[in-house]
């Protein structure tokens, strides 16, 4: 996107708009896609410095989950996933089986679950559940 094309879009949009005003720039499209808001801000500042337009910025903050955050929201915390991968009963589960079920989150989840006293090591070297059930905010949907 060139600054000239964004400037042309802004001026054409203002020319066609009622009262020559646009309430929100998010709807602006250039070549079928959204206009980069940082580039748009640069164009607006340039136009304002030449007294061609005036504008009031609308500041919006959006919270977006990271890839790991989305995984936790979908599958529960690392420690809850470790806990849920362990079969119920005193014998528990073998570590390789838990690692296979949980994947890369195992190491962090196992440490956190031990720290919270949700799991314990058996005499046979397996890992068993130390509590019957979990009820914490990252093991159940919270959205």
Protein backbone atom coordinates (compact mmCIF):
# COMPACT_ATOMS: atom_id res chain seq x y z
CA UNK A 1 0.00 0.00 0.00
CA UNK A 2 1.45 3.32 -0.97
CA UNK A 3 0.84 6.46 1.03
CA UNK A 4 -0.49 8.15 -2.11
CA UNK A 5 -3.14 5.47 -2.58
CA UNK A 6 -4.17 5.73 1.08
CA UNK A 7 -4.31 9.51 0.80
CA UNK A 8 -6.47 9.26 -2.33
CA UNK A 9 -8.77 6.82 -0.52
CA UNK A 10 -9.10 9.12 2.51
CA UNK A 11 -9.89 12.17 0.42
CA UNK A 12 -12.36 10.30 -1.82
CA UNK A 13 -14.08 8.76 1.20
CA UNK A 14 -14.42 12.16 2.89
CA UNK A 15 -15.70 13.70 -0.33
CA UNK A 16 -18.43 11.04 -0.63
CA UNK A 17 -19.33 10.90 3.07
CA UNK A 18 -22.27 12.80 4.55
CA UNK A 19 -21.07 16.06 6.10
CA UNK A 20 -17.55 15.10 4.86
CA UNK A 21 -17.01 13.03 8.00
CA UNK A 22 -16.05 9.43 8.63
CA UNK A 23 -16.81 8.14 12.11
CA UNK A 24 -14.41 5.17 12.00
CA UNK A 25 -11.56 4.35 9.64
CA UNK A 26 -11.67 0.60 10.27
CA UNK A 27 -14.13 0.13 7.41
CA UNK A 28 -11.75 1.66 4.86
CA UNK A 29 -10.71 -0.90 2.25
CA UNK A 30 -7.95 -0.61 -0.31
CA UNK A 31 -7.50 -3.27 -2.99
CA UNK A 32 -10.08 -5.41 -1.20
CA UNK A 33 -8.21 -5.47 2.11
CA UNK A 34 -8.13 -3.37 5.26
CA UNK A 35 -5.95 -0.29 5.36
CA UNK A 36 -2.93 -0.55 7.65
CA UNK A 37 -3.87 1.70 10.58
CA UNK A 38 -0.28 2.83 11.23
CA UNK A 39 0.12 3.94 7.60
CA UNK A 40 -3.29 5.60 7.72
CA UNK A 41 -2.29 7.53 10.82
CA UNK A 42 0.82 8.79 9.00
CA UNK A 43 -1.31 9.96 6.06
CA UNK A 44 -3.81 11.67 8.38
CA UNK A 45 -1.02 13.48 10.23
CA UNK A 46 0.42 14.64 6.92
CA UNK A 47 -2.98 15.90 5.71
CA UNK A 48 -3.63 17.58 9.05
CA UNK A 49 -0.26 19.37 8.97
CA UNK A 50 -1.28 20.89 5.63
CA UNK A 51 -4.67 21.82 7.13
CA UNK A 52 -6.55 19.62 4.66
CA UNK A 53 -8.28 17.46 7.29
CA UNK A 54 -8.72 17.27 11.03
CA UNK A 55 -9.19 14.05 12.93
CA UNK A 56 -9.71 12.69 16.42
CA UNK A 57 -7.97 9.38 17.06
CA UNK A 58 -10.01 6.48 18.39
CA UNK A 59 -7.82 4.35 20.61
CA UNK A 60 -8.90 0.74 20.99
CA UNK A 61 -7.09 -1.99 22.82
CA UNK A 62 -7.72 -5.57 21.83
CA UNK A 63 -6.66 -8.56 23.81
CA UNK A 64 -5.73 -11.46 21.60
CA UNK A 65 -4.65 -14.86 22.81
CA UNK A 66 -1.21 -16.07 21.83
CA UNK A 67 -0.93 -19.52 20.30
CA UNK A 68 -0.13 -20.94 23.74
CA UNK A 69 -2.99 -18.99 25.31
CA UNK A 70 -5.44 -20.37 22.75
CA UNK A 71 -4.18 -23.88 23.47
CA UNK A 72 -4.71 -23.35 27.21
CA UNK A 73 -8.18 -21.93 26.60
CA UNK A 74 -9.07 -24.96 24.45
CA UNK A 75 -7.37 -27.76 26.41
CA UNK A 76 -6.79 -26.47 29.94
CA UNK A 77 -3.58 -25.48 31.69
CA UNK A 78 -0.41 -27.54 31.32
CA UNK A 79 -0.81 -28.95 34.82
CA UNK A 80 -4.48 -29.81 34.28
CA UNK A 81 -3.55 -31.64 31.07
CA UNK A 82 -0.92 -33.67 32.96
CA UNK A 83 -3.44 -34.47 35.69
CA UNK A 84 -6.08 -35.53 33.17
CA UNK A 85 -3.60 -37.76 31.32
CA UNK A 86 -3.03 -39.86 34.45
CA UNK A 87 -5.35 -42.83 34.86
CA UNK A 88 -7.24 -42.95 38.12
CA UNK A 89 -6.06 -45.37 40.78
CA UNK A 90 -3.09 -45.92 43.04
CA UNK A 91 -0.90 -47.34 40.24
CA UNK A 92 -1.11 -44.14 38.23
CA UNK A 93 0.48 -43.90 34.79
CA UNK A 94 3.96 -44.37 33.42
CA UNK A 95 5.83 -41.17 32.62
CA UNK A 96 6.33 -41.94 28.89
CA UNK A 97 2.58 -42.47 28.48
CA UNK A 98 1.83 -39.12 30.12
CA UNK A 99 4.48 -37.39 28.01
CA UNK A 100 2.96 -38.88 24.86
CA UNK A 101 -0.53 -37.72 25.85
CA UNK A 102 0.44 -34.19 26.89
CA UNK A 103 3.26 -33.45 24.46
CA UNK A 104 5.67 -30.53 24.91
CA UNK A 105 3.65 -29.08 27.80
CA UNK A 106 4.54 -32.09 29.96
CA UNK A 107 7.68 -30.75 31.66
CA UNK A 108 6.14 -27.48 32.80
CA UNK A 109 2.78 -29.07 33.61
CA UNK A 110 4.30 -31.90 35.62
CA UNK A 111 6.33 -29.47 37.75
CA UNK A 112 3.33 -27.23 38.36
CA UNK A 113 1.07 -30.20 39.21
CA UNK A 114 3.63 -31.50 41.73
CA UNK A 115 3.92 -28.04 43.26
CA UNK A 116 0.14 -27.83 43.64
CA UNK A 117 0.13 -31.33 45.13
CA UNK A 118 -2.25 -32.63 42.47
CA UNK A 119 0.04 -35.55 41.59
CA UNK A 120 2.57 -37.74 43.36
CA UNK A 121 5.23 -40.29 42.47
CA UNK A 122 4.48 -43.95 43.25
CA UNK A 123 6.92 -46.56 44.60
CA UNK A 124 7.02 -48.09 41.11
CA UNK A 125 8.18 -44.81 39.58
CA UNK A 126 4.83 -43.96 38.02
CA UNK A 127 2.89 -40.77 38.58
CA UNK A 128 -0.50 -41.00 40.28
CA UNK A 129 -3.21 -38.51 41.07
CA UNK A 130 -3.01 -37.14 44.61
CA UNK A 131 -6.46 -35.55 44.50
CA UNK A 132 -9.71 -36.88 43.12
CA UNK A 133 -10.76 -34.03 40.85
CA UNK A 134 -9.65 -30.61 39.71
CA UNK A 135 -11.63 -27.45 39.84
CA UNK A 136 -9.42 -24.58 38.90
CA UNK A 137 -9.98 -21.79 36.46
CA UNK A 138 -7.80 -23.17 33.67
CA UNK A 139 -9.22 -26.69 33.59
CA UNK A 140 -12.75 -25.59 32.78
CA UNK A 141 -13.97 -23.23 30.06
CA UNK A 142 -14.01 -19.62 31.24
CA UNK A 143 -15.15 -17.85 28.08
